[in-house]
Amino acid sequence: MHSPLDRIPVSIIIPNYNYEQFLGRAIDSALEQDHRNVEVVVVDDASTDASVAVIESYGDKIRPCLRRRNGGHGAAFNTGFEASTGEIILFLDADDYLYPNAVSEILDEWGADVAQAQFRLHLVDEDQQIKDVFPPPEQPFDSGDVVPELLRKGRYRTTVTSGLAFDRAALETIMPMPESDFRQGADGYLATLAPLHGEVKSIDTCLGAYRIHGSNHSVFAEKLAERARWRVEHDFRRLEALSGRAAEIGLTVPPDAGLRDPVHLEERLASLCVDEPQHPVETDSRLGLARAGAAASLEMNASWRRRAALATWFLSIGLLPRRMGNAVLAWKLVASSRPAFLARLSKTIRRATN
């Protein structure tokens, strides 16, 4: 006996650029879903490796979209969405993969008012060995109507591309996205704007794997300032897009929303401290950002221990001499820089603040 959910068409869109070594696993995971009505759209963004050969090997099992010119993350998302037909849309990064029950679990939790579902992922290495959970279990998702949180600080607790699913009607109101603004981080655009058009449903189960490897755009710890600067600038583009869409539906995002967001302030402080000449906000100061970060930390949705620990971290960077402050900053943002005793302490604190 079939469930009515079996009739709901779902599209899994896989944007790919030069991930031939991982692409097959991502496609297989989409094709192996236990939901009966899934189409798999694979967008190749003008790869220079053997990705196209991998795609062509699947024949008519998938819908290929081969871009002639590289346009980046946003362009690939736009291309895939235009080619898709599903009522619910998942964007799966080509180096990640889903578990066979992912779509069916999402549909079981879906509702008429849902614009976006989000779920946890296992953090795995290149050999698919599970290392952790992302986001960490002690960090609760924000759920339901997250618009007040979005308007207050421009962010709510969500996840990355491969842990998200969207209602097609919600996406049709915000896509195509500006491709030049989101050559990277297209998921940030979608997860920021989609909740303006419905509720967010959170699933604490791990429904897939988020692969960490040396080629990830998000992994370049040895270039801490560059990473932080990119994230700060990406936040500014997200906030601009959010402000524009919010204004169209009669809502207002305060101009200082980012100064209420600990995540944004963390990256902004890192950018300023590590490479001040390249920092994108000339008026920023270490103490000013540290004070804003401490205040924002105390308003987080987290245990009081976690809030207090983060507020203390911000203030120490602002108040300590620059060299010491930069060391404290690096210990949090780059795990490999921590002395052994701090690495042990970090694990203890994580357990204690669950």
Protein backbone atom coordinates (compact mmCIF):
# COMPACT_ATOMS: atom_id res chain seq x y z
CA MET A 1 0.00 0.00 0.00
CA HIS A 2 1.46 3.34 -1.06
CA SER A 3 1.43 6.46 1.07
CA PRO A 4 0.08 9.73 -0.38
CA LEU A 5 3.58 11.10 0.24
CA ASP A 6 4.86 8.78 -2.51
CA ARG A 7 3.22 11.02 -5.10
CA ILE A 8 5.07 14.17 -4.05
CA PRO A 9 7.75 14.92 -6.67
CA VAL A 10 11.14 15.80 -5.23
CA SER A 11 14.16 17.17 -7.09
CA ILE A 12 17.72 16.64 -5.88
CA ILE A 13 19.98 19.14 -7.64
CA ILE A 14 23.72 18.41 -7.55
CA PRO A 15 25.92 21.39 -8.55
CA ASN A 16 29.42 20.23 -9.47
CA TYR A 17 32.73 21.80 -10.35
CA ASN A 18 35.83 19.61 -10.60
CA TYR A 19 34.71 17.02 -8.05
CA GLU A 20 34.99 13.96 -10.26
CA GLN A 21 36.40 11.90 -7.37
CA PHE A 22 33.29 12.51 -5.23
CA LEU A 23 30.54 13.11 -7.78
CA GLY A 24 29.58 9.48 -8.35
CA ARG A 25 28.92 8.95 -4.63
CA ALA A 26 26.65 12.02 -4.54
CA ILE A 27 24.68 10.91 -7.62
CA ASP A 28 24.35 7.34 -6.34
CA SER A 29 23.02 8.61 -3.03
CA ALA A 30 20.36 10.65 -4.82
CA LEU A 31 19.34 7.72 -7.03
CA GLU A 32 19.15 5.35 -4.05
CA GLN A 33 16.48 7.30 -2.15
CA ASP A 34 13.68 5.10 -0.87
CA HIS A 35 11.13 7.75 -1.86
CA ARG A 36 9.54 6.69 -5.15
CA ASN A 37 9.31 10.06 -6.91
CA VAL A 38 12.76 11.67 -7.11
CA GLU A 39 14.40 13.31 -10.09
CA VAL A 40 18.15 13.91 -10.03
CA VAL A 41 19.45 17.02 -11.77
CA VAL A 42 23.24 17.28 -12.10
CA VAL A 43 24.70 20.66 -13.06
CA ASP A 44 28.30 20.72 -14.21
CA ASP A 45 29.71 24.24 -14.01
CA ALA A 46 32.24 23.86 -16.87
CA SER A 47 34.54 21.45 -15.02
CA THR A 48 38.04 20.90 -16.36
CA ASP A 49 38.41 17.39 -14.93
CA ALA A 50 36.54 14.20 -15.90
CA SER A 51 33.27 15.20 -14.26
CA VAL A 52 31.34 15.24 -17.55
CA ALA A 53 32.35 11.64 -18.23
CA VAL A 54 31.04 10.66 -14.80
CA ILE A 55 27.75 12.42 -15.52
CA GLU A 56 27.37 10.85 -18.97
CA SER A 57 27.92 7.38 -17.52
CA TYR A 58 24.51 7.60 -15.81
CA GLY A 59 22.61 7.98 -19.08
CA ASP A 60 18.92 8.77 -18.67
CA LYS A 61 18.90 8.00 -14.93
CA ILE A 62 19.67 11.68 -14.33
CA ARG A 63 18.97 15.02 -15.95
CA PRO A 64 22.31 16.57 -16.92
CA CYS A 65 22.82 20.31 -17.27
CA LEU A 66 26.25 21.05 -18.72
CA ARG A 67 27.17 24.70 -18.49
CA ARG A 68 29.57 25.96 -21.15
CA ARG A 69 31.04 28.71 -18.95
CA ASN A 70 31.86 28.61 -15.27
CA GLY A 71 29.50 30.85 -13.35
CA GLY A 72 29.99 29.76 -9.75
CA HIS A 73 27.69 28.40 -7.08
CA GLY A 74 24.77 30.76 -7.66
CA ALA A 75 24.73 30.20 -11.42
CA ALA A 76 24.74 26.42 -10.93
CA PHE A 77 21.87 26.67 -8.44
CA ASN A 78 19.87 28.82 -10.86
CA THR A 79 20.51 26.44 -13.74
CA GLY A 80 19.50 23.39 -11.73
CA PHE A 81 16.37 24.97 -10.32
CA GLU A 82 15.21 26.07 -13.76
CA ALA A 83 15.63 22.50 -15.05
CA SER A 84 13.87 20.87 -12.09
CA THR A 85 10.19 20.03 -11.63
CA GLY A 86 9.88 18.84 -8.02
CA GLU A 87 7.61 20.38 -5.41
CA ILE A 88 10.39 20.02 -2.86
CA ILE A 89 13.98 20.86 -3.79
CA LEU A 90 17.24 19.68 -2.27
CA PHE A 91 20.63 21.06 -3.33
CA LEU A 92 23.31 18.44 -2.67
CA ASP A 93 26.95 19.53 -2.89
CA ALA A 94 28.86 17.18 -5.19
CA ASP A 95 31.32 16.18 -2.47
CA ASP A 96 28.56 15.26 0.00
CA TYR A 97 25.95 12.49 -0.02
CA LEU A 98 22.54 11.64 1.39
CA TYR A 99 21.37 8.54 3.21
CA PRO A 100 18.64 6.48 1.46
CA ASN A 101 15.93 7.61 3.89
CA ALA A 102 16.68 11.34 3.63
CA VAL A 103 13.83 12.37 1.35
CA SER A 104 11.23 10.14 3.01
CA GLU A 105 12.19 11.47 6.45
CA ILE A 106 11.90 15.05 5.20
CA LEU A 107 8.47 14.37 3.71
CA ASP A 108 7.28 12.77 6.94
CA GLU A 109 8.06 16.04 8.73
CA TRP A 110 6.82 18.40 6.01
CA GLY A 111 3.73 20.55 6.42
CA ALA A 112 1.66 22.97 4.37
CA ASP A 113 3.30 26.02 5.99
CA VAL A 114 6.90 24.81 5.62
CA ALA A 115 9.22 26.76 3.33
CA GLN A 116 12.43 25.05 4.42
CA ALA A 117 13.49 21.90 6.25
CA GLN A 118 16.92 21.50 7.80
CA PHE A 119 18.64 18.44 9.20
CA ARG A 120 21.93 17.38 10.70
CA LEU A 121 24.73 15.72 8.77
CA HIS A 122 27.52 13.41 9.76
CA LEU A 123 30.87 15.12 9.36
CA VAL A 124 33.05 12.67 7.42
CA ASP A 125 36.56 12.60 6.00
CA GLU A 126 37.58 11.79 2.43
CA ASP A 127 37.23 8.06 3.16
CA GLN A 128 33.68 8.52 4.51
CA GLN A 129 34.73 7.85 8.10
CA ILE A 130 32.39 9.62 10.52
CA LYS A 131 34.20 12.20 12.67
CA ASP A 132 31.40 14.27 14.19
CA VAL A 133 27.93 15.72 13.68
CA PHE A 134 27.24 19.02 11.93
CA PRO A 135 25.89 21.24 13.32
CA PRO A 136 27.00 19.87 16.71
CA PRO A 137 24.11 18.37 18.71
CA GLU A 138 24.57 20.91 21.50
CA GLN A 139 23.70 23.71 19.07
CA PRO A 140 19.90 23.71 18.71
CA PHE A 141 18.36 24.63 15.39
CA ASP A 142 15.99 27.58 15.22
CA SER A 143 12.57 26.40 14.06
CA GLY A 144 9.11 27.60 13.14
CA ASP A 145 8.77 31.31 12.38
CA VAL A 146 12.39 32.52 12.35
CA VAL A 147 11.57 35.89 10.75
CA PRO A 148 11.89 37.87 14.01
CA GLU A 149 15.40 36.48 14.49
CA LEU A 150 16.28 37.18 10.85
CA LEU A 151 15.10 40.77 11.10
CA ARG A 152 16.90 41.32 14.41
CA LYS A 153 20.37 40.02 13.51
CA GLY A 154 20.26 38.75 9.92
CA ARG A 155 20.81 35.11 10.91
CA TYR A 156 19.21 32.17 12.67
CA ARG A 157 20.59 28.72 13.55
CA THR A 158 20.65 26.70 10.32
CA THR A 159 23.08 24.54 8.33
CA VAL A 160 24.88 24.09 5.01
CA THR A 161 23.69 23.28 1.47
CA SER A 162 23.40 19.51 1.79
CA GLY A 163 21.35 19.72 4.99
CA LEU A 164 18.55 21.83 3.51
CA ALA A 165 15.32 21.22 1.58
CA PHE A 166 13.04 23.92 0.16
CA ASP A 167 9.45 24.35 -0.95
CA ARG A 168 9.35 25.12 -4.65
CA ALA A 169 6.82 27.92 -4.26
CA ALA A 170 9.11 29.66 -1.75
CA LEU A 171 12.09 29.37 -4.09
CA GLU A 172 10.10 30.76 -7.01
CA THR A 173 9.68 34.02 -5.07
CA ILE A 174 13.44 34.50 -4.54
CA MET A 175 15.09 32.90 -7.58
CA PRO A 176 17.00 33.35 -9.74
CA MET A 177 19.55 34.62 -7.26
CA PRO A 178 22.15 37.30 -8.14
CA GLU A 179 24.93 35.18 -9.60
CA SER A 180 27.79 37.65 -9.27
CA ASP A 181 27.03 38.21 -5.57
CA PHE A 182 26.87 34.50 -4.80
CA ARG A 183 29.61 32.83 -6.79
CA GLN A 184 30.18 31.02 -3.50
CA GLY A 185 27.77 30.55 -0.62
CA ALA A 186 24.56 30.26 -2.64
CA ASP A 187 23.02 28.26 0.18
CA GLY A 188 23.40 31.32 2.40
CA TYR A 189 21.19 33.31 0.04
CA LEU A 190 18.48 30.63 0.00
CA ALA A 191 18.48 29.91 3.72
CA THR A 192 18.33 33.64 4.47
CA LEU A 193 15.42 34.51 2.17
CA ALA A 194 13.28 31.36 2.04
CA PRO A 195 12.05 31.68 5.68
CA LEU A 196 10.38 34.97 4.75
CA HIS A 197 7.84 32.79 2.92
CA GLY A 198 7.04 30.05 5.42
CA GLU A 199 8.16 28.16 8.48
CA VAL A 200 11.41 26.31 9.08
CA LYS A 201 11.15 22.65 10.07
CA SER A 202 14.14 21.21 11.91
CA ILE A 203 15.07 17.53 12.00
CA ASP A 204 17.73 16.47 14.50
CA THR A 205 18.46 13.18 12.75
CA CYS A 206 21.56 12.89 10.52
CA LEU A 207 20.21 12.32 7.00
CA GLY A 208 23.46 12.60 5.07
CA ALA A 209 27.17 13.28 5.20
CA TYR A 210 29.11 16.54 4.93
CA ARG A 211 32.56 15.69 3.64
CA ILE A 212 35.55 17.70 4.86
CA HIS A 213 38.64 17.61 2.65
CA GLY A 214 41.44 19.82 1.44
CA SER A 215 39.50 21.20 -1.53
CA ASN A 216 36.46 22.52 0.37
CA HIS A 217 35.85 26.22 -0.18
CA SER A 218 34.98 26.48 3.51
CA VAL A 219 38.20 24.82 4.70
CA PHE A 220 41.27 26.99 4.46
CA ALA A 221 42.34 27.38 8.07
CA GLU A 222 45.85 28.29 7.03
CA LYS A 223 44.34 31.41 5.46
CA LEU A 224 42.34 32.54 8.47
CA ALA A 225 42.09 36.20 7.50
CA GLU A 226 41.07 35.40 3.93
CA ARG A 227 38.36 33.04 5.16
CA ALA A 228 37.09 35.55 7.69
CA ARG A 229 37.08 38.39 5.17
CA TRP A 230 35.13 36.31 2.65
CA ARG A 231 32.54 35.41 5.28
CA VAL A 232 32.16 39.02 6.39
CA GLU A 233 31.63 40.16 2.80
CA HIS A 234 29.25 37.25 2.17
CA ASP A 235 27.23 38.33 5.20
CA PHE A 236 26.99 41.85 3.82
CA ARG A 237 25.62 40.47 0.53
CA ARG A 238 23.16 38.26 2.40
CA LEU A 239 21.96 41.18 4.47
CA GLU A 240 21.55 43.34 1.38
CA ALA A 241 19.45 40.63 -0.29
CA LEU A 242 17.44 40.13 2.89
CA SER A 243 16.78 43.85 3.27
CA GLY A 244 15.63 44.12 -0.33
CA ARG A 245 13.23 41.17 -0.17
CA ALA A 246 11.96 42.15 3.29
CA ALA A 247 11.15 45.65 2.04
CA GLU A 248 9.12 44.16 -0.83
CA ILE A 249 6.83 42.42 1.67
CA GLY A 250 6.62 45.29 4.14
CA LEU A 251 9.33 44.30 6.64
CA THR A 252 12.45 46.13 7.79
CA VAL A 253 15.95 44.89 8.57
CA PRO A 254 17.82 47.33 10.86
CA PRO A 255 21.07 48.64 9.32
CA ASP A 256 23.09 47.37 12.29
CA ALA A 257 21.64 43.84 12.26
CA GLY A 258 25.07 42.26 11.84
CA LEU A 259 26.24 43.82 15.11
CA ARG A 260 23.76 41.59 16.96
CA ASP A 261 25.07 38.39 15.36
CA PRO A 262 27.88 36.58 17.24
CA VAL A 263 28.80 34.50 14.18
CA HIS A 264 29.25 37.57 12.01
CA LEU A 265 31.12 39.42 14.75
CA GLU A 266 33.47 36.47 15.27
CA GLU A 267 34.53 36.52 11.63
CA ARG A 268 34.67 40.32 11.55
CA LEU A 269 36.95 40.36 14.55
CA ALA A 270 39.16 37.69 12.99
CA SER A 271 39.45 39.67 9.76
CA LEU A 272 40.42 42.83 11.65
CA CYS A 273 42.89 41.21 14.03
CA VAL A 274 44.74 38.99 11.57
CA ASP A 275 44.95 41.28 8.54
CA GLU A 276 43.82 44.79 9.41
CA PRO A 277 45.01 46.44 6.14
CA GLN A 278 42.65 44.17 4.13
CA HIS A 279 39.72 44.39 6.56
CA PRO A 280 36.59 45.61 4.71
CA VAL A 281 35.21 47.92 7.46
CA GLU A 282 37.49 50.87 8.15
CA THR A 283 35.59 52.06 11.24
CA ASP A 284 35.89 48.76 13.14
CA SER A 285 37.99 48.49 16.30
CA ARG A 286 39.00 45.43 18.31
CA LEU A 287 37.35 46.68 21.48
CA GLY A 288 34.17 47.80 19.71
CA LEU A 289 33.69 44.45 17.99
CA ALA A 290 34.58 42.56 21.16
CA ARG A 291 32.00 44.46 23.20
CA ALA A 292 29.33 43.93 20.53
CA GLY A 293 30.24 40.23 20.35
CA ALA A 294 30.00 39.80 24.11
CA ALA A 295 26.59 41.49 24.22
CA ALA A 296 25.32 39.41 21.29
CA SER A 297 26.63 36.20 22.87
CA LEU A 298 24.59 36.76 26.02
CA GLU A 299 21.41 36.90 23.91
CA MET A 300 22.05 33.61 22.10
CA ASN A 301 19.73 30.61 22.25
CA ALA A 302 22.19 28.48 24.24
CA SER A 303 23.01 27.38 27.78
CA TRP A 304 24.23 30.10 30.11
CA ARG A 305 27.65 28.40 30.28
CA ARG A 306 28.05 28.54 26.52
CA ARG A 307 26.88 32.15 26.38
CA ALA A 308 29.23 33.17 29.17
CA ALA A 309 32.18 31.32 27.62
CA LEU A 310 31.69 33.00 24.26
CA ALA A 311 31.22 36.45 25.80
CA THR A 312 34.46 35.97 27.74
CA TRP A 313 36.26 34.91 24.56
CA PHE A 314 35.15 38.08 22.76
CA LEU A 315 36.17 40.37 25.62
CA SER A 316 39.57 38.71 26.03
CA ILE A 317 40.41 39.45 22.38
CA GLY A 318 39.40 43.06 22.78
CA LEU A 319 41.18 43.66 26.09
CA LEU A 320 44.36 41.57 25.89
CA PRO A 321 47.49 42.87 24.14
CA ARG A 322 47.21 42.27 20.39
CA ARG A 323 49.58 39.30 20.24
CA MET A 324 47.84 37.47 23.09
CA GLY A 325 44.41 38.38 21.76
CA ASN A 326 45.27 36.97 18.35
CA ALA A 327 46.42 33.72 19.96
CA VAL A 328 43.12 33.39 21.83
CA LEU A 329 41.26 34.10 18.60
CA ALA A 330 43.18 31.43 16.68
CA TRP A 331 42.66 28.83 19.41
CA LYS A 332 38.92 28.96 18.82
CA LEU A 333 38.85 29.31 15.05
CA VAL A 334 41.69 26.95 14.11
CA ALA A 335 41.63 23.77 16.19
CA SER A 336 45.12 22.75 15.07
CA SER A 337 46.58 25.87 16.73
CA ARG A 338 45.44 24.89 20.23
CA PRO A 339 47.91 23.64 22.81
CA ALA A 340 47.14 20.07 23.90
CA PHE A 341 45.67 21.13 27.25
CA LEU A 342 43.28 23.54 25.51
CA ALA A 343 42.17 20.86 23.07
CA ARG A 344 41.26 18.65 26.04
CA LEU A 345 39.57 21.56 27.80
CA SER A 346 37.55 22.39 24.67
CA LYS A 347 36.13 18.84 24.59
CA THR A 348 35.28 19.06 28.29
CA ILE A 349 33.53 22.40 27.84
CA ARG A 350 31.59 21.08 24.85
CA ARG A 351 30.27 18.16 26.93
CA ALA A 352 29.52 20.39 29.91
CA THR A 353 27.57 22.94 27.88
CA ASN A 354 25.31 20.50 26.04
